[in-house]
C-alpha atoms as a PDB file:
ATOM      1  CA  UNK A   1      22.174 180.614  57.484  1.00  0.00           C
ATOM      2  CA  UNK A   2      25.080 182.778  56.309  1.00  0.00           C
ATOM      3  CA  UNK A   3      24.892 186.511  55.694  1.00  0.00           C
ATOM      4  CA  UNK A   4      28.576 186.938  54.811  1.00  0.00           C
ATOM      5  CA  UNK A   5      28.070 187.092  51.054  1.00  0.00           C
ATOM      6  CA  UNK A   6      25.462 189.824  51.456  1.00  0.00           C
ATOM      7  CA  UNK A   7      27.422 191.926  53.956  1.00  0.00           C
ATOM      8  CA  UNK A   8      29.305 194.222  51.494  1.00  0.00           C
ATOM      9  CA  UNK A   9      26.074 195.183  49.731  1.00  0.00           C
ATOM     10  CA  UNK A  10      23.597 195.236  52.598  1.00  0.00           C
ATOM     11  CA  UNK A  11      23.837 198.953  53.417  1.00  0.00           C
ATOM     12  CA  UNK A  12      23.272 199.925  49.781  1.00  0.00           C
ATOM     13  CA  UNK A  13      20.385 197.465  49.487  1.00  0.00           C
ATOM     14  CA  UNK A  14      18.745 198.911  52.575  1.00  0.00           C
ATOM     15  CA  UNK A  15      19.078 202.469  51.294  1.00  0.00           C
ATOM     16  CA  UNK A  16      17.717 201.659  47.833  1.00  0.00           C
ATOM     17  CA  UNK A  17      14.750 199.607  49.056  1.00  0.00           C
ATOM     18  CA  UNK A  18      13.824 201.431  52.262  1.00  0.00           C
ATOM     19  CA  UNK A  19      15.724 204.707  52.501  1.00  0.00           C
ATOM     20  CA  UNK A  20      15.961 205.755  56.154  1.00  0.00           C
ATOM     21  CA  UNK A  21      12.838 203.905  57.272  1.00  0.00           C
ATOM     22  CA  UNK A  22      14.607 200.929  58.872  1.00  0.00           C
ATOM     23  CA  UNK A  23      16.992 203.253  60.700  1.00  0.00           C
ATOM     24  CA  UNK A  24      14.033 205.281  61.977  1.00  0.00           C
ATOM     25  CA  UNK A  25      12.664 202.025  63.407  1.00  0.00           C
ATOM     26  CA  UNK A  26      15.956 201.206  65.090  1.00  0.00           C
ATOM     27  CA  UNK A  27      16.313 204.619  66.720  1.00  0.00           C
ATOM     28  CA  UNK A  28      12.666 205.390  67.508  1.00  0.00           C
ATOM     29  CA  UNK A  29      12.993 205.157  71.302  1.00  0.00           C
ATOM     30  CA  UNK A  30      16.748 205.386  71.843  1.00  0.00           C
ATOM     31  CA  UNK A  31      16.536 208.978  73.113  1.00  0.00           C
ATOM     32  CA  UNK A  32      13.828 208.095  75.654  1.00  0.00           C
ATOM     33  CA  UNK A  33      15.159 205.035  77.470  1.00  0.00           C
ATOM     34  CA  UNK A  34      17.031 205.300  80.797  1.00  0.00           C
ATOM     35  CA  UNK A  35      20.850 205.143  80.463  1.00  0.00           C
ATOM     36  CA  UNK A  36      21.897 201.466  80.622  1.00  0.00           C
ATOM     37  CA  UNK A  37      25.059 200.040  82.147  1.00  0.00           C
ATOM     38  CA  UNK A  38      25.314 196.931  79.954  1.00  0.00           C
ATOM     39  CA  UNK A  39      23.781 196.597  76.502  1.00  0.00           C
ATOM     40  CA  UNK A  40      23.312 193.451  74.424  1.00  0.00           C
ATOM     41  CA  UNK A  41      22.857 193.925  70.676  1.00  0.00           C
ATOM     42  CA  UNK A  42      21.768 190.601  69.205  1.00  0.00           C
ATOM     43  CA  UNK A  43      22.024 190.220  65.445  1.00  0.00           C
ATOM     44  CA  UNK A  44      23.346 193.757  64.963  1.00  0.00           C
ATOM     45  CA  UNK A  45      24.322 193.032  61.373  1.00  0.00           C
ATOM     46  CA  UNK A  46      26.141 195.862  59.581  1.00  0.00           C
ATOM     47  CA  UNK A  47      26.058 198.122  62.614  1.00  0.00           C
ATOM     48  CA  UNK A  48      23.577 200.915  61.918  1.00  0.00           C
ATOM     49  CA  UNK A  49      22.299 200.978  65.514  1.00  0.00           C
ATOM     50  CA  UNK A  50      25.632 200.461  67.296  1.00  0.00           C
ATOM     51  CA  UNK A  51      27.315 203.869  66.707  1.00  0.00           C
ATOM     52  CA  UNK A  52      24.186 205.745  67.765  1.00  0.00           C
ATOM     53  CA  UNK A  53      23.884 203.626  70.901  1.00  0.00           C
ATOM     54  CA  UNK A  54      27.560 204.143  71.779  1.00  0.00           C
ATOM     55  CA  UNK A  55      27.290 207.916  71.303  1.00  0.00           C
ATOM     56  CA  UNK A  56      24.104 208.112  73.317  1.00  0.00           C
ATOM     57  CA  UNK A  57      25.499 206.044  76.210  1.00  0.00           C
ATOM     58  CA  UNK A  58      29.300 206.555  76.288  1.00  0.00           C
ATOM     59  CA  UNK A  59      29.638 204.962  79.729  1.00  0.00           C
ATOM     60  CA  UNK A  60      27.791 201.767  78.846  1.00  0.00           C
ATOM     61  CA  UNK A  61      29.443 198.431  78.116  1.00  0.00           C
ATOM     62  CA  UNK A  62      28.102 197.061  74.822  1.00  0.00           C
ATOM     63  CA  UNK A  63      28.236 193.452  73.635  1.00  0.00           C
ATOM     64  CA  UNK A  64      27.459 192.783  69.962  1.00  0.00           C
ATOM     65  CA  UNK A  65      26.662 189.203  68.902  1.00  0.00           C
ATOM     66  CA  UNK A  66      26.247 188.206  65.265  1.00  0.00           C
ATOM     67  CA  UNK A  67      26.537 185.014  63.244  1.00  0.00           C
ATOM     68  CA  UNK A  68      28.168 186.806  60.293  1.00  0.00           C
ATOM     69  CA  UNK A  69      31.889 187.534  60.587  1.00  0.00           C
ATOM     70  CA  UNK A  70      31.775 189.995  57.696  1.00  0.00           C
ATOM     71  CA  UNK A  71      28.833 191.879  59.164  1.00  0.00           C
ATOM     72  CA  UNK A  72      30.736 192.133  62.463  1.00  0.00           C
ATOM     73  CA  UNK A  73      33.802 193.455  60.639  1.00  0.00           C
ATOM     74  CA  UNK A  74      31.710 196.199  59.026  1.00  0.00           C
ATOM     75  CA  UNK A  75      30.155 197.080  62.386  1.00  0.00           C
ATOM     76  CA  UNK A  76      33.573 197.109  64.093  1.00  0.00           C
ATOM     77  CA  UNK A  77      34.963 199.510  61.487  1.00  0.00           C
ATOM     78  CA  UNK A  78      32.322 202.047  62.455  1.00  0.00           C
ATOM     79  CA  UNK A  79      33.866 202.328  65.938  1.00  0.00           C
ATOM     80  CA  UNK A  80      37.607 201.781  65.358  1.00  0.00           C
ATOM     81  CA  UNK A  81      39.657 201.400  68.520  1.00  0.00           C
ATOM     82  CA  UNK A  82      36.645 201.505  70.818  1.00  0.00           C
ATOM     83  CA  UNK A  83      37.111 199.876  74.228  1.00  0.00           C
ATOM     84  CA  UNK A  84      33.413 200.251  74.935  1.00  0.00           C
ATOM     85  CA  UNK A  85      32.284 197.426  72.654  1.00  0.00           C
ATOM     86  CA  UNK A  86      32.901 193.674  72.648  1.00  0.00           C
ATOM     87  CA  UNK A  87      32.229 191.906  69.348  1.00  0.00           C
ATOM     88  CA  UNK A  88      31.243 188.241  69.472  1.00  0.00           C
ATOM     89  CA  UNK A  89      31.106 186.049  66.361  1.00  0.00           C
ATOM     90  CA  UNK A  90      28.649 183.297  67.279  1.00  0.00           C
ATOM     91  CA  UNK A  91      25.371 181.582  66.585  1.00  0.00           C
ATOM     92  CA  UNK A  92      23.256 183.191  69.303  1.00  0.00           C
ATOM     93  CA  UNK A  93      21.635 179.958  70.490  1.00  0.00           C
ATOM     94  CA  UNK A  94      25.069 178.330  70.828  1.00  0.00           C
ATOM     95  CA  UNK A  95      26.744 181.332  72.447  1.00  0.00           C
ATOM     96  CA  UNK A  96      27.694 180.829  76.097  1.00  0.00           C
ATOM     97  CA  UNK A  97      28.370 184.258  77.630  1.00  0.00           C
ATOM     98  CA  UNK A  98      30.430 184.545  80.765  1.00  0.00           C
ATOM     99  CA  UNK A  99      27.802 186.755  82.412  1.00  0.00           C
ATOM    100  CA  UNK A 100      24.459 188.390  81.885  1.00  0.00           C
ATOM    101  CA  UNK A 101      23.294 191.465  83.729  1.00  0.00           C
ATOM    102  CA  UNK A 102      22.217 193.375  80.627  1.00  0.00           C
ATOM    103  CA  UNK A 103      19.808 196.178  81.444  1.00  0.00           C
ATOM    104  CA  UNK A 104      19.145 196.882  77.768  1.00  0.00           C
ATOM    105  CA  UNK A 105      18.543 194.318  75.015  1.00  0.00           C
ATOM    106  CA  UNK A 106      18.172 195.365  71.371  1.00  0.00           C
ATOM    107  CA  UNK A 107      16.946 193.068  68.606  1.00  0.00           C
ATOM    108  CA  UNK A 108      16.690 195.040  65.388  1.00  0.00           C
ATOM    109  CA  UNK A 109      15.459 192.950  62.458  1.00  0.00           C
ATOM    110  CA  UNK A 110      16.796 189.855  64.199  1.00  0.00           C
ATOM    111  CA  UNK A 111      13.872 187.924  65.655  1.00  0.00           C
ATOM    112  CA  UNK A 112      12.309 187.594  62.204  1.00  0.00           C
ATOM    113  CA  UNK A 113      15.095 185.132  61.337  1.00  0.00           C
ATOM    114  CA  UNK A 114      13.643 182.444  63.625  1.00  0.00           C
ATOM    115  CA  UNK A 115      10.709 180.106  63.173  1.00  0.00           C
ATOM    116  CA  UNK A 116       8.085 179.093  65.692  1.00  0.00           C
ATOM    117  CA  UNK A 117      10.340 176.462  67.276  1.00  0.00           C
ATOM    118  CA  UNK A 118      13.491 178.563  67.673  1.00  0.00           C
ATOM    119  CA  UNK A 119      11.964 181.975  68.433  1.00  0.00           C
ATOM    120  CA  UNK A 120      10.765 181.151  71.979  1.00  0.00           C
ATOM    121  CA  UNK A 121      14.225 179.744  72.752  1.00  0.00           C
ATOM    122  CA  UNK A 122      15.926 182.914  71.507  1.00  0.00           C
ATOM    123  CA  UNK A 123      13.610 185.207  73.466  1.00  0.00           C
ATOM    124  CA  UNK A 124      13.943 183.083  76.609  1.00  0.00           C
ATOM    125  CA  UNK A 125      17.740 183.144  76.398  1.00  0.00           C
ATOM    126  CA  UNK A 126      17.800 186.905  75.887  1.00  0.00           C
ATOM    127  CA  UNK A 127      15.467 187.301  78.854  1.00  0.00           C
ATOM    128  CA  UNK A 128      17.738 185.160  81.055  1.00  0.00           C
ATOM    129  CA  UNK A 129      20.641 187.466  80.210  1.00  0.00           C
ATOM    130  CA  UNK A 130      18.606 190.565  81.121  1.00  0.00           C
ATOM    131  CA  UNK A 131      18.245 192.150  84.538  1.00  0.00           C
ATOM    132  CA  UNK A 132      14.896 192.168  86.402  1.00  0.00           C
ATOM    133  CA  UNK A 133      14.351 195.816  85.382  1.00  0.00           C
ATOM    134  CA  UNK A 134      15.710 195.554  81.827  1.00  0.00           C
ATOM    135  CA  UNK A 135      14.410 197.356  78.784  1.00  0.00           C
ATOM    136  CA  UNK A 136      14.113 195.784  75.337  1.00  0.00           C
ATOM    137  CA  UNK A 137      14.172 197.689  72.041  1.00  0.00           C
ATOM    138  CA  UNK A 138      12.692 195.766  69.150  1.00  0.00           C
ATOM    139  CA  UNK A 139      12.478 196.867  65.518  1.00  0.00           C
ATOM    140  CA  UNK A 140      11.095 194.512  62.903  1.00  0.00           C
ATOM    141  CA  UNK A 141       8.615 193.762  60.158  1.00  0.00           C
ATOM    142  CA  UNK A 142       5.030 192.765  60.843  1.00  0.00           C
ATOM    143  CA  UNK A 143       1.804 192.026  58.995  1.00  0.00           C
ATOM    144  CA  UNK A 144      -0.946 194.650  59.169  1.00  0.00           C
ATOM    145  CA  UNK A 145      -4.197 193.303  60.644  1.00  0.00           C
ATOM    146  CA  UNK A 146      -6.588 193.804  57.734  1.00  0.00           C
ATOM    147  CA  UNK A 147      -7.414 195.292  54.348  1.00  0.00           C
ATOM    148  CA  UNK A 148      -5.104 196.279  51.514  1.00  0.00           C
ATOM    149  CA  UNK A 149      -2.333 196.988  54.005  1.00  0.00           C
ATOM    150  CA  UNK A 150      -2.370 193.342  55.097  1.00  0.00           C
ATOM    151  CA  UNK A 151      -2.049 192.063  51.525  1.00  0.00           C
ATOM    152  CA  UNK A 152       0.745 194.551  50.857  1.00  0.00           C
ATOM    153  CA  UNK A 153       2.666 193.459  53.964  1.00  0.00           C
ATOM    154  CA  UNK A 154       2.252 189.782  53.134  1.00  0.00           C
ATOM    155  CA  UNK A 155       3.544 190.301  49.595  1.00  0.00           C
ATOM    156  CA  UNK A 156       6.608 192.285  50.733  1.00  0.00           C
ATOM    157  CA  UNK A 157       7.491 190.009  53.650  1.00  0.00           C
ATOM    158  CA  UNK A 158       7.014 186.906  51.492  1.00  0.00           C
ATOM    159  CA  UNK A 159       9.369 188.344  48.876  1.00  0.00           C
ATOM    160  CA  UNK A 160      11.982 189.143  51.535  1.00  0.00           C
ATOM    161  CA  UNK A 161      11.880 185.628  52.959  1.00  0.00           C
ATOM    162  CA  UNK A 162      12.219 184.144  49.478  1.00  0.00           C
ATOM    163  CA  UNK A 163      15.235 186.362  48.741  1.00  0.00           C
ATOM    164  CA  UNK A 164      17.054 185.607  52.002  1.00  0.00           C
ATOM    165  CA  UNK A 165      16.246 181.909  51.692  1.00  0.00           C
ATOM    166  CA  UNK A 166      17.978 181.791  48.296  1.00  0.00           C
ATOM    167  CA  UNK A 167      20.907 184.117  49.031  1.00  0.00           C
ATOM    168  CA  UNK A 168      21.618 183.404  52.702  1.00  0.00           C
ATOM    169  CA  UNK A 169      20.094 179.987  53.353  1.00  0.00           C
ATOM    170  CA  UNK A 170      17.509 181.333  55.796  1.00  0.00           C
ATOM    171  CA  UNK A 171      15.249 178.470  56.873  1.00  0.00           C
ATOM    172  CA  UNK A 172      12.373 180.532  58.241  1.00  0.00           C
ATOM    173  CA  UNK A 173       9.429 180.907  55.881  1.00  0.00           C
ATOM    174  CA  UNK A 174       6.932 182.928  57.922  1.00  0.00           C
ATOM    175  CA  UNK A 175       6.975 185.905  60.279  1.00  0.00           C
ATOM    176  CA  UNK A 176       6.236 184.889  63.869  1.00  0.00           C
ATOM    177  CA  UNK A 177       5.205 187.500  66.442  1.00  0.00           C
ATOM    178  CA  UNK A 178       7.490 187.425  69.518  1.00  0.00           C
ATOM    179  CA  UNK A 179       4.886 188.976  71.825  1.00  0.00           C
ATOM    180  CA  UNK A 180       3.801 185.766  73.627  1.00  0.00           C
ATOM    181  CA  UNK A 181       7.410 184.820  74.391  1.00  0.00           C
ATOM    182  CA  UNK A 182       8.243 188.327  75.616  1.00  0.00           C
ATOM    183  CA  UNK A 183       5.214 188.384  77.894  1.00  0.00           C
ATOM    184  CA  UNK A 184       6.080 184.929  79.215  1.00  0.00           C
ATOM    185  CA  UNK A 185       9.538 186.295  80.102  1.00  0.00           C
ATOM    186  CA  UNK A 186       7.973 189.077  82.153  1.00  0.00           C
ATOM    187  CA  UNK A 187       8.157 191.951  79.667  1.00  0.00           C
ATOM    188  CA  UNK A 188       5.302 194.247  78.706  1.00  0.00           C
ATOM    189  CA  UNK A 189       5.054 196.653  75.790  1.00  0.00           C
ATOM    190  CA  UNK A 190       5.591 200.235  76.939  1.00  0.00           C
ATOM    191  CA  UNK A 191       5.687 202.144  73.639  1.00  0.00           C
ATOM    192  CA  UNK A 192       5.009 201.297  70.008  1.00  0.00           C
ATOM    193  CA  UNK A 193       5.231 203.015  66.615  1.00  0.00           C
ATOM    194  CA  UNK A 194       4.487 201.734  63.118  1.00  0.00           C
ATOM    195  CA  UNK A 195       5.434 202.824  59.613  1.00  0.00           C
ATOM    196  CA  UNK A 196       4.653 201.943  56.020  1.00  0.00           C
ATOM    197  CA  UNK A 197       1.014 200.883  56.385  1.00  0.00           C
ATOM    198  CA  UNK A 198       1.864 198.594  59.279  1.00  0.00           C
ATOM    199  CA  UNK A 199       4.835 196.889  57.595  1.00  0.00           C
ATOM    200  CA  UNK A 200       7.464 198.209  60.041  1.00  0.00           C
ATOM    201  CA  UNK A 201       7.270 198.499  63.791  1.00  0.00           C
ATOM    202  CA  UNK A 202       9.385 199.776  66.633  1.00  0.00           C
ATOM    203  CA  UNK A 203       8.620 198.743  70.204  1.00  0.00           C
ATOM    204  CA  UNK A 204       9.991 199.451  73.646  1.00  0.00           C
ATOM    205  CA  UNK A 205       9.328 196.635  76.097  1.00  0.00           C
ATOM    206  CA  UNK A 206      10.075 196.810  79.810  1.00  0.00           C
ATOM    207  CA  UNK A 207      10.337 194.320  82.619  1.00  0.00           C
ATOM    208  CA  UNK A 208       9.032 195.436  85.991  1.00  0.00           C
END
């Protein structure tokens, strides 16, 4: 899996295909969550969420982890000279952080990159790095439960997986809901919004 070749074009692709909808998903609950001290952004990609998070919480320490060096470079250039953010180039499952203690985790269009075997491992590792009272912001695709909306979602998501499989070597072929793994890690869904006939979702999970 390598997103480097797509990095220079990803922002334009997102704008052309989805306008501001994905960004609305990323930011849906950012203004409502309690101010965190340490934030973990997993799979931040080209850094649409990062600048807004840094502006909203100027005192927070932010760690950004991504497998794509070119995506990280683009994200870093959006906050030049910032001492607030640490950028980590790593495969998340192989990353060995020095410490956890994150009271906010954000996974924006990241968990959909993992299949049914890897996804529980990713969620469990993120949960281990989070504090007992942590919040979790999650933006992603999903499949509507029934009707025409369900067929529409399946067609769009299937096309996206086919594209990223060819261009980036993504191995995952189906969208897996992370809810069981999140609940197993002690999180519960606090708020939820959907867009585009159930294709896009934004969720705020909390651990209590």
